[in-house]
Amino acid sequence: MADDDVVEGFKTLSTPVVSDALDRLGIDGQASGIARITGDGTVAGRAWTLQYTPIGTEGGTVGDYIDDAVAGSIIVLANNVRTDVTVWGGLLSEVASYRGVVATVIDGTCRDTPRAQEVGYSLFARSHWMRTGKDRVRVESTQKPVSIGGILVRPEDVLVGDADGVVVVPRERADEILKVALGIEEAEQAIHNEAMQGVRLDEARRRHGYHTLQTKSD
């Protein structure tokens, strides 16, 4: 899964700008409760999804899928909002980073965060804690639709993450959302430039329609 022009475009934007574009188009894509744990800057990539479920009598594994994850992707782990067991640790961070995976987004918990930070790997999750998911959860499916922070994520959807969280861009509308987001970014940059040149902020905002940049369009 090589980076494409759409993904490259989203790498130039912040999650607030993309969030405003989603609002303007009437699309829910803001993953609630998911925060950056490690890493820096903006990351973007196409989703590689995995669903966890509690173990049954057959037991289970938590990380053997990593050999199938694709360079350039963002691994998306759905663990049913559980924060009492982890589904990502240091070895996974190191292997994912080495193999060119962009980031991991977890609706749940990770651990070994210093190791992720050491290799510059981006983790997004509800929290970090030490208790293993081994013998507690198992992989139910990969590359199927999952829910992260209340938002549907399908394989090949685009995820964008930074210090403010994670947004999900539906794959079939990615071009449209990117175009709207770039327009919002351009307007906000123009407001910034004018304000830094001494123009009143309220005037610069009025001129560039600041208060309606995110308003849903008909």
N, C-alpha and C. Protein backbone atom coordinates (compact mmCIF):
# COMPACT_ATOMS: atom_id res chain seq x y z
N MET A 1 0.85 -1.19 0.00
CA MET A 1 0.00 0.00 0.00
C MET A 1 0.89 1.24 0.00
N ALA A 2 1.25 1.71 -1.16
CA ALA A 2 2.11 2.90 -1.25
C ALA A 2 1.30 4.15 -0.94
N ASP A 3 1.98 5.14 -0.38
CA ASP A 3 1.32 6.43 -0.15
C ASP A 3 0.82 6.97 -1.48
N ASP A 4 -0.40 7.53 -1.48
CA ASP A 4 -0.96 8.11 -2.68
C ASP A 4 -1.08 9.62 -2.52
N ASP A 5 -1.51 10.29 -3.56
CA ASP A 5 -1.59 11.75 -3.53
C ASP A 5 -2.56 12.24 -2.47
N VAL A 6 -3.66 11.52 -2.28
CA VAL A 6 -4.64 11.94 -1.27
C VAL A 6 -4.03 11.87 0.12
N VAL A 7 -3.38 10.77 0.43
CA VAL A 7 -2.74 10.63 1.74
C VAL A 7 -1.67 11.70 1.92
N GLU A 8 -0.88 11.94 0.90
CA GLU A 8 0.15 12.97 0.98
C GLU A 8 -0.47 14.34 1.26
N GLY A 9 -1.61 14.61 0.64
CA GLY A 9 -2.30 15.88 0.87
C GLY A 9 -2.74 16.04 2.31
N PHE A 10 -3.27 14.97 2.90
CA PHE A 10 -3.73 15.06 4.28
C PHE A 10 -2.57 15.22 5.26
N LYS A 11 -1.38 14.79 4.90
CA LYS A 11 -0.23 14.95 5.78
C LYS A 11 0.13 16.42 5.98
N THR A 12 -0.33 17.30 5.11
CA THR A 12 -0.02 18.72 5.22
C THR A 12 -1.01 19.47 6.10
N LEU A 13 -2.04 18.77 6.60
CA LEU A 13 -3.13 19.42 7.33
C LEU A 13 -3.18 18.95 8.77
N SER A 14 -3.80 19.75 9.62
CA SER A 14 -4.02 19.37 11.01
C SER A 14 -5.38 18.69 11.15
N THR A 15 -5.55 17.94 12.24
CA THR A 15 -6.86 17.33 12.47
C THR A 15 -7.97 18.36 12.69
N PRO A 16 -7.72 19.53 13.34
CA PRO A 16 -8.79 20.52 13.42
C PRO A 16 -9.29 20.98 12.05
N VAL A 17 -8.38 21.17 11.10
CA VAL A 17 -8.80 21.59 9.76
C VAL A 17 -9.61 20.50 9.08
N VAL A 18 -9.14 19.25 9.18
CA VAL A 18 -9.89 18.15 8.57
C VAL A 18 -11.24 17.98 9.27
N SER A 19 -11.27 18.14 10.58
CA SER A 19 -12.53 18.05 11.33
C SER A 19 -13.52 19.10 10.84
N ASP A 20 -13.05 20.33 10.63
CA ASP A 20 -13.95 21.38 10.12
C ASP A 20 -14.47 21.03 8.74
N ALA A 21 -13.62 20.42 7.91
CA ALA A 21 -14.07 20.01 6.57
C ALA A 21 -15.14 18.93 6.67
N LEU A 22 -14.95 17.99 7.59
CA LEU A 22 -15.96 16.96 7.79
C LEU A 22 -17.29 17.57 8.24
N ASP A 23 -17.22 18.52 9.18
CA ASP A 23 -18.44 19.20 9.63
C ASP A 23 -19.13 19.90 8.47
N ARG A 24 -18.36 20.57 7.65
CA ARG A 24 -18.94 21.32 6.53
C ARG A 24 -19.68 20.39 5.57
N LEU A 25 -19.18 19.17 5.44
CA LEU A 25 -19.80 18.20 4.53
C LEU A 25 -20.81 17.29 5.23
N GLY A 26 -21.02 17.52 6.52
CA GLY A 26 -22.00 16.73 7.25
C GLY A 26 -21.58 15.30 7.49
N ILE A 27 -20.28 15.07 7.70
CA ILE A 27 -19.73 13.73 7.89
C ILE A 27 -19.18 13.60 9.30
N ASP A 28 -19.58 12.56 10.02
CA ASP A 28 -19.01 12.28 11.34
C ASP A 28 -17.73 11.49 11.16
N GLY A 29 -16.62 12.03 11.64
CA GLY A 29 -15.35 11.33 11.48
C GLY A 29 -14.38 11.56 12.62
N GLN A 30 -14.82 12.25 13.67
CA GLN A 30 -13.94 12.56 14.79
C GLN A 30 -13.99 11.42 15.81
N ALA A 31 -12.89 10.72 16.00
CA ALA A 31 -12.83 9.55 16.90
C ALA A 31 -12.78 10.02 18.35
N SER A 32 -13.88 9.89 19.05
CA SER A 32 -14.00 10.42 20.41
C SER A 32 -13.16 9.61 21.40
N GLY A 33 -12.43 10.31 22.25
CA GLY A 33 -11.69 9.68 23.34
C GLY A 33 -10.36 9.09 22.96
N ILE A 34 -9.94 9.21 21.71
CA ILE A 34 -8.68 8.67 21.25
C ILE A 34 -7.65 9.81 21.23
N ALA A 35 -6.56 9.64 21.96
CA ALA A 35 -5.56 10.70 22.09
C ALA A 35 -4.18 10.19 21.70
N ARG A 36 -3.31 11.12 21.35
CA ARG A 36 -1.93 10.73 21.03
C ARG A 36 -1.21 10.31 22.31
N ILE A 37 -0.51 9.16 22.23
CA ILE A 37 0.28 8.65 23.34
C ILE A 37 1.76 8.88 23.08
N THR A 38 2.22 8.57 21.86
CA THR A 38 3.62 8.79 21.49
C THR A 38 3.68 9.31 20.06
N GLY A 39 4.85 9.84 19.69
CA GLY A 39 5.06 10.34 18.34
C GLY A 39 4.86 11.84 18.24
N ASP A 40 5.18 12.37 17.08
CA ASP A 40 5.11 13.81 16.85
C ASP A 40 4.57 14.09 15.46
N GLY A 41 4.11 15.34 15.28
CA GLY A 41 3.68 15.79 13.96
C GLY A 41 2.38 15.16 13.50
N THR A 42 2.04 15.42 12.25
CA THR A 42 0.84 14.86 11.65
C THR A 42 1.17 13.57 10.91
N VAL A 43 0.35 12.55 11.12
CA VAL A 43 0.49 11.31 10.38
C VAL A 43 -0.79 11.06 9.60
N ALA A 44 -0.67 10.41 8.46
CA ALA A 44 -1.84 10.05 7.66
C ALA A 44 -1.54 8.75 6.93
N GLY A 45 -2.55 7.93 6.77
CA GLY A 45 -2.38 6.67 6.06
C GLY A 45 -3.72 5.98 5.91
N ARG A 46 -3.72 4.93 5.13
CA ARG A 46 -4.95 4.17 4.91
C ARG A 46 -5.07 3.06 5.95
N ALA A 47 -6.30 2.81 6.37
CA ALA A 47 -6.56 1.92 7.49
C ALA A 47 -6.30 0.46 7.16
N TRP A 48 -5.64 -0.21 8.10
CA TRP A 48 -5.51 -1.67 8.12
C TRP A 48 -6.12 -2.10 9.43
N THR A 49 -7.29 -2.77 9.39
CA THR A 49 -8.13 -2.92 10.57
C THR A 49 -8.07 -4.30 11.20
N LEU A 50 -8.34 -4.32 12.51
CA LEU A 50 -8.35 -5.57 13.27
C LEU A 50 -9.34 -5.45 14.42
N GLN A 51 -10.12 -6.49 14.63
CA GLN A 51 -11.11 -6.53 15.72
C GLN A 51 -10.68 -7.55 16.77
N TYR A 52 -10.67 -7.13 18.04
CA TYR A 52 -10.42 -8.03 19.15
C TYR A 52 -11.74 -8.44 19.81
N THR A 53 -11.71 -9.58 20.49
CA THR A 53 -12.84 -10.05 21.27
C THR A 53 -12.29 -10.80 22.48
N PRO A 54 -13.05 -10.91 23.58
CA PRO A 54 -12.57 -11.68 24.73
C PRO A 54 -12.30 -13.13 24.33
N ILE A 55 -11.34 -13.76 24.99
CA ILE A 55 -11.00 -15.14 24.66
C ILE A 55 -12.14 -16.07 25.05
N GLY A 56 -12.23 -17.19 24.34
CA GLY A 56 -13.12 -18.28 24.71
C GLY A 56 -12.28 -19.44 25.21
N THR A 57 -12.82 -20.63 25.11
CA THR A 57 -12.09 -21.80 25.58
C THR A 57 -10.88 -22.11 24.73
N GLU A 58 -10.86 -21.54 23.48
CA GLU A 58 -9.75 -21.83 22.58
C GLU A 58 -8.56 -20.92 22.78
N GLY A 59 -8.65 -19.94 23.67
CA GLY A 59 -7.54 -19.01 23.87
C GLY A 59 -7.41 -18.06 22.70
N GLY A 60 -6.19 -17.50 22.53
CA GLY A 60 -6.03 -16.56 21.43
C GLY A 60 -4.67 -15.90 21.45
N THR A 61 -4.43 -15.05 20.46
CA THR A 61 -3.17 -14.32 20.35
C THR A 61 -3.48 -12.83 20.21
N VAL A 62 -2.45 -12.00 20.45
CA VAL A 62 -2.67 -10.56 20.39
C VAL A 62 -1.84 -9.85 19.33
N GLY A 63 -0.80 -10.47 18.77
CA GLY A 63 0.05 -9.70 17.88
C GLY A 63 0.59 -10.39 16.65
N ASP A 64 0.19 -11.61 16.36
CA ASP A 64 0.79 -12.33 15.24
C ASP A 64 0.43 -11.75 13.88
N TYR A 65 -0.57 -10.90 13.82
CA TYR A 65 -1.00 -10.28 12.57
C TYR A 65 0.02 -9.30 12.00
N ILE A 66 0.98 -8.86 12.80
CA ILE A 66 1.86 -7.76 12.39
C ILE A 66 2.60 -8.08 11.10
N ASP A 67 2.83 -9.37 10.82
CA ASP A 67 3.54 -9.73 9.60
C ASP A 67 2.71 -9.48 8.34
N ASP A 68 1.41 -9.28 8.51
CA ASP A 68 0.54 -9.03 7.36
C ASP A 68 0.23 -7.55 7.15
N ALA A 69 0.54 -6.72 8.14
CA ALA A 69 0.27 -5.28 8.01
C ALA A 69 1.14 -4.69 6.90
N VAL A 70 0.63 -3.64 6.26
CA VAL A 70 1.23 -3.12 5.04
C VAL A 70 1.97 -1.81 5.30
N ALA A 71 3.15 -1.67 4.72
CA ALA A 71 3.89 -0.41 4.83
C ALA A 71 3.04 0.73 4.30
N GLY A 72 3.08 1.87 4.99
CA GLY A 72 2.30 3.03 4.59
C GLY A 72 0.92 3.08 5.20
N SER A 73 0.51 1.99 5.85
CA SER A 73 -0.83 1.94 6.44
C SER A 73 -0.81 2.44 7.88
N ILE A 74 -2.01 2.65 8.43
CA ILE A 74 -2.20 2.89 9.86
C ILE A 74 -2.98 1.70 10.40
N ILE A 75 -2.40 1.00 11.37
CA ILE A 75 -3.07 -0.14 11.98
C ILE A 75 -4.15 0.37 12.92
N VAL A 76 -5.35 -0.17 12.77
CA VAL A 76 -6.50 0.26 13.57
C VAL A 76 -6.99 -0.93 14.36
N LEU A 77 -6.88 -0.86 15.70
CA LEU A 77 -7.24 -1.96 16.58
C LEU A 77 -8.48 -1.62 17.38
N ALA A 78 -9.54 -2.39 17.19
CA ALA A 78 -10.78 -2.19 17.94
C ALA A 78 -10.83 -3.21 19.07
N ASN A 79 -10.81 -2.72 20.30
CA ASN A 79 -10.89 -3.62 21.46
C ASN A 79 -12.07 -3.26 22.34
N ASN A 80 -13.16 -2.84 21.70
CA ASN A 80 -14.43 -2.63 22.39
C ASN A 80 -14.32 -1.67 23.57
N VAL A 81 -13.47 -0.64 23.40
CA VAL A 81 -13.31 0.44 24.39
C VAL A 81 -12.71 -0.07 25.70
N ARG A 82 -12.15 -1.27 25.72
CA ARG A 82 -11.58 -1.81 26.96
C ARG A 82 -10.28 -1.09 27.30
N THR A 83 -10.15 -0.73 28.56
CA THR A 83 -8.91 -0.12 29.04
C THR A 83 -8.26 -0.94 30.15
N ASP A 84 -8.77 -2.15 30.39
CA ASP A 84 -8.23 -2.99 31.46
C ASP A 84 -7.19 -3.98 30.96
N VAL A 85 -7.04 -4.10 29.63
CA VAL A 85 -6.00 -4.97 29.06
C VAL A 85 -5.41 -4.28 27.85
N THR A 86 -4.13 -4.49 27.62
CA THR A 86 -3.46 -3.86 26.49
C THR A 86 -3.47 -4.78 25.28
N VAL A 87 -3.43 -4.17 24.09
CA VAL A 87 -3.37 -4.95 22.84
C VAL A 87 -2.23 -4.49 21.94
N TRP A 88 -1.30 -3.74 22.52
CA TRP A 88 -0.14 -3.27 21.75
C TRP A 88 1.00 -2.99 22.71
N GLY A 89 2.21 -3.49 22.35
CA GLY A 89 3.36 -3.28 23.21
C GLY A 89 4.61 -2.90 22.45
N GLY A 90 5.73 -2.93 23.14
CA GLY A 90 6.97 -2.40 22.60
C GLY A 90 7.49 -3.13 21.39
N LEU A 91 7.44 -4.45 21.40
CA LEU A 91 7.93 -5.21 20.25
C LEU A 91 7.13 -4.90 19.00
N LEU A 92 5.81 -4.78 19.15
CA LEU A 92 4.97 -4.42 18.01
C LEU A 92 5.34 -3.03 17.48
N SER A 93 5.59 -2.08 18.37
CA SER A 93 5.99 -0.74 17.93
C SER A 93 7.27 -0.79 17.13
N GLU A 94 8.24 -1.56 17.62
CA GLU A 94 9.53 -1.63 16.94
C GLU A 94 9.42 -2.31 15.57
N VAL A 95 8.67 -3.41 15.50
CA VAL A 95 8.52 -4.12 14.23
C VAL A 95 7.71 -3.28 13.24
N ALA A 96 6.64 -2.66 13.72
CA ALA A 96 5.83 -1.83 12.84
C ALA A 96 6.63 -0.67 12.27
N SER A 97 7.40 -0.02 13.13
CA SER A 97 8.24 1.08 12.67
C SER A 97 9.25 0.61 11.64
N TYR A 98 9.89 -0.51 11.90
CA TYR A 98 10.90 -1.06 10.99
C TYR A 98 10.30 -1.39 9.64
N ARG A 99 9.05 -1.83 9.62
CA ARG A 99 8.41 -2.26 8.38
C ARG A 99 7.64 -1.15 7.68
N GLY A 100 7.73 0.06 8.18
CA GLY A 100 7.16 1.19 7.48
C GLY A 100 5.69 1.46 7.74
N VAL A 101 5.13 0.84 8.79
CA VAL A 101 3.76 1.18 9.19
C VAL A 101 3.79 2.58 9.78
N VAL A 102 2.78 3.38 9.47
CA VAL A 102 2.80 4.80 9.84
C VAL A 102 2.48 5.03 11.31
N ALA A 103 1.47 4.33 11.83
CA ALA A 103 0.99 4.58 13.19
C ALA A 103 0.03 3.46 13.57
N THR A 104 -0.34 3.45 14.85
CA THR A 104 -1.38 2.54 15.34
C THR A 104 -2.41 3.34 16.11
N VAL A 105 -3.69 3.06 15.84
CA VAL A 105 -4.80 3.70 16.53
C VAL A 105 -5.59 2.61 17.23
N ILE A 106 -5.80 2.77 18.54
CA ILE A 106 -6.41 1.72 19.36
C ILE A 106 -7.62 2.25 20.11
N ASP A 107 -8.76 1.59 19.93
CA ASP A 107 -9.89 1.87 20.82
C ASP A 107 -9.72 0.94 22.02
N GLY A 108 -8.79 1.32 22.87
CA GLY A 108 -8.36 0.51 24.00
C GLY A 108 -7.05 1.05 24.53
N THR A 109 -6.16 0.15 24.94
CA THR A 109 -4.97 0.54 25.69
C THR A 109 -3.70 -0.07 25.10
N CYS A 110 -2.60 0.67 25.22
CA CYS A 110 -1.28 0.18 24.81
C CYS A 110 -0.34 0.19 26.01
N ARG A 111 0.87 -0.35 25.80
CA ARG A 111 1.88 -0.32 26.86
C ARG A 111 3.28 -0.20 26.24
N ASP A 112 4.31 -0.22 27.08
CA ASP A 112 5.69 -0.07 26.63
C ASP A 112 5.87 1.21 25.82
N THR A 113 5.25 2.28 26.26
CA THR A 113 5.28 3.52 25.48
C THR A 113 6.69 4.11 25.32
N PRO A 114 7.61 3.95 26.29
CA PRO A 114 8.96 4.49 26.04
C PRO A 114 9.63 3.87 24.82
N ARG A 115 9.38 2.59 24.57
CA ARG A 115 9.98 1.94 23.41
C ARG A 115 9.41 2.51 22.11
N ALA A 116 8.13 2.81 22.09
CA ALA A 116 7.54 3.44 20.91
C ALA A 116 8.14 4.82 20.70
N GLN A 117 8.31 5.56 21.78
CA GLN A 117 8.86 6.90 21.68
C GLN A 117 10.31 6.86 21.19
N GLU A 118 11.05 5.88 21.63
CA GLU A 118 12.45 5.76 21.24
C GLU A 118 12.62 5.59 19.74
N VAL A 119 11.71 4.86 19.11
CA VAL A 119 11.81 4.64 17.65
C VAL A 119 10.97 5.64 16.86
N GLY A 120 10.36 6.60 17.57
CA GLY A 120 9.59 7.64 16.90
C GLY A 120 8.28 7.15 16.30
N TYR A 121 7.69 6.13 16.92
CA TYR A 121 6.45 5.55 16.40
C TYR A 121 5.24 6.21 17.03
N SER A 122 4.23 6.50 16.21
CA SER A 122 3.03 7.19 16.67
C SER A 122 1.97 6.20 17.15
N LEU A 123 1.58 6.35 18.41
CA LEU A 123 0.49 5.57 18.99
C LEU A 123 -0.63 6.50 19.41
N PHE A 124 -1.86 6.10 19.10
CA PHE A 124 -3.06 6.81 19.54
C PHE A 124 -3.95 5.79 20.23
N ALA A 125 -4.43 6.12 21.43
CA ALA A 125 -5.22 5.16 22.21
C ALA A 125 -6.04 5.91 23.25
N ARG A 126 -6.84 5.16 24.00
CA ARG A 126 -7.58 5.77 25.10
C ARG A 126 -6.68 5.99 26.32
N SER A 127 -5.68 5.13 26.49
CA SER A 127 -4.77 5.27 27.62
C SER A 127 -3.60 4.31 27.42
N HIS A 128 -2.66 4.35 28.35
CA HIS A 128 -1.59 3.36 28.37
C HIS A 128 -1.49 2.78 29.77
N TRP A 129 -1.26 1.48 29.81
CA TRP A 129 -1.27 0.73 31.08
C TRP A 129 -0.45 -0.52 30.87
N MET A 130 -0.09 -1.23 31.93
CA MET A 130 0.87 -2.33 31.80
C MET A 130 0.25 -3.72 31.63
N ARG A 131 -1.01 -3.91 31.91
CA ARG A 131 -1.59 -5.27 31.98
C ARG A 131 -1.79 -5.87 30.59
N THR A 132 -1.22 -7.04 30.35
CA THR A 132 -1.25 -7.66 29.03
C THR A 132 -2.64 -8.15 28.64
N GLY A 133 -2.87 -8.16 27.34
CA GLY A 133 -4.08 -8.76 26.80
C GLY A 133 -3.93 -10.23 26.49
N LYS A 134 -2.71 -10.75 26.57
CA LYS A 134 -2.49 -12.18 26.34
C LYS A 134 -3.30 -12.99 27.36
N ASP A 135 -3.94 -14.04 26.89
CA ASP A 135 -4.82 -14.88 27.70
C ASP A 135 -6.10 -14.17 28.12
N ARG A 136 -6.34 -12.99 27.54
CA ARG A 136 -7.55 -12.25 27.88
C ARG A 136 -8.37 -11.84 26.65
N VAL A 137 -7.69 -11.56 25.54
CA VAL A 137 -8.39 -11.23 24.30
C VAL A 137 -7.76 -12.01 23.15
N ARG A 138 -8.47 -12.06 22.04
CA ARG A 138 -7.95 -12.72 20.85
C ARG A 138 -8.38 -11.94 19.61
N VAL A 139 -7.68 -12.15 18.53
CA VAL A 139 -8.04 -11.53 17.27
C VAL A 139 -9.28 -12.23 16.70
N GLU A 140 -10.29 -11.45 16.42
CA GLU A 140 -11.52 -12.00 15.85
C GLU A 140 -11.51 -11.91 14.32
N SER A 141 -11.03 -10.77 13.78
CA SER A 141 -11.01 -10.60 12.33
C SER A 141 -10.00 -9.52 11.96
N THR A 142 -9.54 -9.57 10.72
CA THR A 142 -8.70 -8.51 10.17
C THR A 142 -9.29 -8.04 8.86
N GLN A 143 -9.00 -6.78 8.56
CA GLN A 143 -9.44 -6.15 7.31
C GLN A 143 -10.95 -6.23 7.12
N LYS A 144 -11.68 -6.00 8.23
CA LYS A 144 -13.13 -5.85 8.23
C LYS A 144 -13.48 -4.50 8.87
N PRO A 145 -14.67 -3.95 8.62
CA PRO A 145 -15.06 -2.70 9.26
C PRO A 145 -15.04 -2.83 10.79
N VAL A 146 -14.55 -1.78 11.46
CA VAL A 146 -14.50 -1.75 12.92
C VAL A 146 -14.98 -0.37 13.39
N SER A 147 -15.17 -0.25 14.70
CA SER A 147 -15.56 1.03 15.29
C SER A 147 -14.45 1.54 16.19
N ILE A 148 -14.03 2.78 15.95
CA ILE A 148 -12.99 3.43 16.75
C ILE A 148 -13.52 4.77 17.24
N GLY A 149 -13.63 4.92 18.55
CA GLY A 149 -14.14 6.18 19.08
C GLY A 149 -15.52 6.53 18.56
N GLY A 150 -16.34 5.50 18.33
CA GLY A 150 -17.69 5.72 17.84
C GLY A 150 -17.80 5.97 16.35
N ILE A 151 -16.71 5.83 15.63
CA ILE A 151 -16.69 6.09 14.19
C ILE A 151 -16.36 4.81 13.42
N LEU A 152 -17.10 4.54 12.38
CA LEU A 152 -16.84 3.39 11.53
C LEU A 152 -15.54 3.59 10.76
N VAL A 153 -14.67 2.57 10.78
CA VAL A 153 -13.43 2.60 10.00
C VAL A 153 -13.40 1.33 9.15
N ARG A 154 -13.22 1.52 7.84
CA ARG A 154 -13.12 0.40 6.92
C ARG A 154 -11.72 0.35 6.32
N PRO A 155 -11.27 -0.82 5.90
CA PRO A 155 -9.99 -0.88 5.20
C PRO A 155 -9.95 0.13 4.06
N GLU A 156 -8.83 0.84 3.97
CA GLU A 156 -8.58 1.85 2.93
C GLU A 156 -9.19 3.22 3.24
N ASP A 157 -10.00 3.36 4.30
CA ASP A 157 -10.34 4.71 4.74
C ASP A 157 -9.05 5.41 5.14
N VAL A 158 -9.05 6.74 5.08
CA VAL A 158 -7.86 7.51 5.43
C VAL A 158 -7.99 8.01 6.87
N LEU A 159 -6.96 7.77 7.68
CA LEU A 159 -6.91 8.31 9.03
C LEU A 159 -5.85 9.39 9.10
N VAL A 160 -6.16 10.46 9.84
CA VAL A 160 -5.22 11.55 10.07
C VAL A 160 -5.12 11.74 11.58
N GLY A 161 -3.89 11.79 12.10
CA GLY A 161 -3.71 11.94 13.53
C GLY A 161 -2.63 12.96 13.86
N ASP A 162 -2.83 13.67 14.96
CA ASP A 162 -1.83 14.60 15.48
C ASP A 162 -2.07 14.80 16.96
N ALA A 163 -1.53 15.87 17.53
CA ALA A 163 -1.63 16.10 18.97
C ALA A 163 -3.07 16.29 19.44
N ASP A 164 -3.99 16.61 18.53
CA ASP A 164 -5.39 16.83 18.90
C ASP A 164 -6.26 15.59 18.74
N GLY A 165 -5.70 14.47 18.27
CA GLY A 165 -6.49 13.25 18.15
C GLY A 165 -6.48 12.67 16.75
N VAL A 166 -7.56 11.96 16.42
CA VAL A 166 -7.64 11.22 15.17
C VAL A 166 -8.97 11.50 14.47
N VAL A 167 -8.90 11.71 13.16
CA VAL A 167 -10.11 11.83 12.35
C VAL A 167 -10.08 10.75 11.27
N VAL A 168 -11.27 10.32 10.87
CA VAL A 168 -11.43 9.26 9.88
C VAL A 168 -12.10 9.84 8.64
N VAL A 169 -11.47 9.64 7.50
CA VAL A 169 -11.96 10.17 6.22
C VAL A 169 -12.47 9.00 5.39
N PRO A 170 -13.78 8.93 5.11
CA PRO A 170 -14.30 7.84 4.29
C PRO A 170 -13.60 7.79 2.93
N ARG A 171 -13.19 6.62 2.52
CA ARG A 171 -12.36 6.46 1.33
C ARG A 171 -13.02 7.01 0.07
N GLU A 172 -14.35 6.85 -0.04
CA GLU A 172 -15.02 7.26 -1.27
C GLU A 172 -15.22 8.77 -1.37
N ARG A 173 -14.97 9.49 -0.26
CA ARG A 173 -15.13 10.94 -0.28
C ARG A 173 -13.82 11.66 0.07
N ALA A 174 -12.73 10.92 0.04
CA ALA A 174 -11.45 11.48 0.47
C ALA A 174 -11.03 12.66 -0.39
N ASP A 175 -11.19 12.56 -1.71
CA ASP A 175 -10.80 13.67 -2.59
C ASP A 175 -11.60 14.93 -2.26
N GLU A 176 -12.90 14.77 -2.08
CA GLU A 176 -13.78 15.90 -1.78
C GLU A 176 -13.42 16.53 -0.45
N ILE A 177 -13.19 15.70 0.57
CA ILE A 177 -12.86 16.22 1.90
C ILE A 177 -11.52 16.93 1.88
N LEU A 178 -10.56 16.38 1.16
CA LEU A 178 -9.25 17.02 1.05
C LEU A 178 -9.37 18.39 0.41
N LYS A 179 -10.16 18.49 -0.64
CA LYS A 179 -10.32 19.78 -1.33
C LYS A 179 -10.92 20.82 -0.39
N VAL A 180 -11.95 20.44 0.35
CA VAL A 180 -12.59 21.38 1.29
C VAL A 180 -11.60 21.75 2.40
N ALA A 181 -10.87 20.78 2.91
CA ALA A 181 -9.92 21.05 3.99
C ALA A 181 -8.81 21.99 3.53
N LEU A 182 -8.33 21.81 2.32
CA LEU A 182 -7.29 22.71 1.81
C LEU A 182 -7.82 24.13 1.68
N GLY A 183 -9.09 24.28 1.30
CA GLY A 183 -9.70 25.61 1.24
C GLY A 183 -9.79 26.26 2.61
N ILE A 184 -10.16 25.47 3.62
CA ILE A 184 -10.23 26.00 4.99
C ILE A 184 -8.84 26.40 5.47
N GLU A 185 -7.85 25.57 5.19
CA GLU A 185 -6.47 25.89 5.58
C GLU A 185 -6.01 27.18 4.92
N GLU A 186 -6.34 27.35 3.66
CA GLU A 186 -5.94 28.57 2.94
C GLU A 186 -6.58 29.81 3.57
N ALA A 187 -7.86 29.71 3.91
CA ALA A 187 -8.55 30.85 4.52
C ALA A 187 -7.95 31.18 5.89
N GLU A 188 -7.67 30.16 6.69
CA GLU A 188 -7.11 30.41 8.02
C GLU A 188 -5.70 30.99 7.93
N GLN A 189 -4.93 30.54 6.94
CA GLN A 189 -3.59 31.09 6.77
C GLN A 189 -3.66 32.55 6.34
N ALA A 190 -4.63 32.88 5.50
CA ALA A 190 -4.79 34.27 5.07
C ALA A 190 -5.16 35.16 6.26
N ILE A 191 -6.04 34.65 7.13
CA ILE A 191 -6.41 35.41 8.33
C ILE A 191 -5.19 35.63 9.21
N HIS A 192 -4.40 34.60 9.39
CA HIS A 192 -3.19 34.70 10.19
C HIS A 192 -2.24 35.75 9.62
N ASN A 193 -2.02 35.68 8.32
CA ASN A 193 -1.07 36.61 7.69
C ASN A 193 -1.52 38.05 7.85
N GLU A 194 -2.81 38.29 7.65
CA GLU A 194 -3.32 39.67 7.76
C GLU A 194 -3.23 40.16 9.20
N ALA A 195 -3.59 39.29 10.15
CA ALA A 195 -3.53 39.70 11.56
C ALA A 195 -2.11 40.02 11.98
N MET A 196 -1.14 39.26 11.48
CA MET A 196 0.26 39.50 11.82
C MET A 196 0.81 40.75 11.14
N GLN A 197 0.07 41.27 10.17
CA GLN A 197 0.46 42.51 9.51
C GLN A 197 -0.28 43.72 10.08
N GLY A 198 -1.05 43.51 11.14
CA GLY A 198 -1.70 44.60 11.83
C GLY A 198 -3.18 44.77 11.56
N VAL A 199 -3.76 43.97 10.67
CA VAL A 199 -5.19 44.05 10.42
C VAL A 199 -5.93 43.54 11.65
N ARG A 200 -7.05 44.18 12.01
CA ARG A 200 -7.87 43.72 13.12
C ARG A 200 -8.29 42.26 12.87
N LEU A 201 -8.22 41.44 13.91
CA LEU A 201 -8.57 40.03 13.74
C LEU A 201 -10.02 39.86 13.32
N ASP A 202 -10.91 40.64 13.94
CA ASP A 202 -12.31 40.48 13.57
C ASP A 202 -12.55 40.84 12.10
N GLU A 203 -11.81 41.84 11.59
CA GLU A 203 -11.95 42.22 10.19
C GLU A 203 -11.39 41.13 9.27
N ALA A 204 -10.23 40.59 9.63
CA ALA A 204 -9.65 39.52 8.81
C ALA A 204 -10.55 38.29 8.81
N ARG A 205 -11.12 38.00 9.95
CA ARG A 205 -12.04 36.85 10.01
C ARG A 205 -13.27 37.09 9.16
N ARG A 206 -13.83 38.28 9.24
CA ARG A 206 -15.02 38.60 8.44
C ARG A 206 -14.72 38.48 6.96
N ARG A 207 -13.56 38.99 6.55
CA ARG A 207 -13.19 39.01 5.15
C ARG A 207 -13.09 37.60 4.56
N HIS A 208 -12.64 36.67 5.39
CA HIS A 208 -12.42 35.31 4.89
C HIS A 208 -13.45 34.30 5.39
N GLY A 209 -14.55 34.80 5.96
CA GLY A 209 -15.65 33.93 6.35
C GLY A 209 -15.31 32.93 7.44
N TYR A 210 -14.49 33.35 8.40
CA TYR A 210 -13.98 32.43 9.41
C TYR A 210 -15.09 31.69 10.16
N HIS A 211 -16.13 32.41 10.55
CA HIS A 211 -17.15 31.83 11.43
C HIS A 211 -18.06 30.83 10.72
N THR A 212 -17.95 30.72 9.42
CA THR A 212 -18.76 29.74 8.68
C THR A 212 -17.91 28.73 7.90
N LEU A 213 -16.61 28.72 8.16
CA LEU A 213 -15.75 27.77 7.43
C LEU A 213 -16.18 26.32 7.68
N GLN A 214 -16.68 26.03 8.87
CA GLN A 214 -17.07 24.66 9.21
C GLN A 214 -18.58 24.43 9.10
N THR A 215 -19.34 25.47 8.78
CA THR A 215 -20.79 25.34 8.74
C THR A 215 -21.23 24.42 7.61
N LYS A 216 -22.15 23.52 7.92
CA LYS A 216 -22.59 22.56 6.94
C LYS A 216 -23.19 23.27 5.73
N SER A 217 -22.70 22.89 4.55
CA SER A 217 -23.19 23.49 3.31
C SER A 217 -24.36 22.70 2.77
N ASP A 218 -25.22 23.37 2.02
CA ASP A 218 -26.41 22.70 1.45
C ASP A 218 -26.02 21.86 0.22
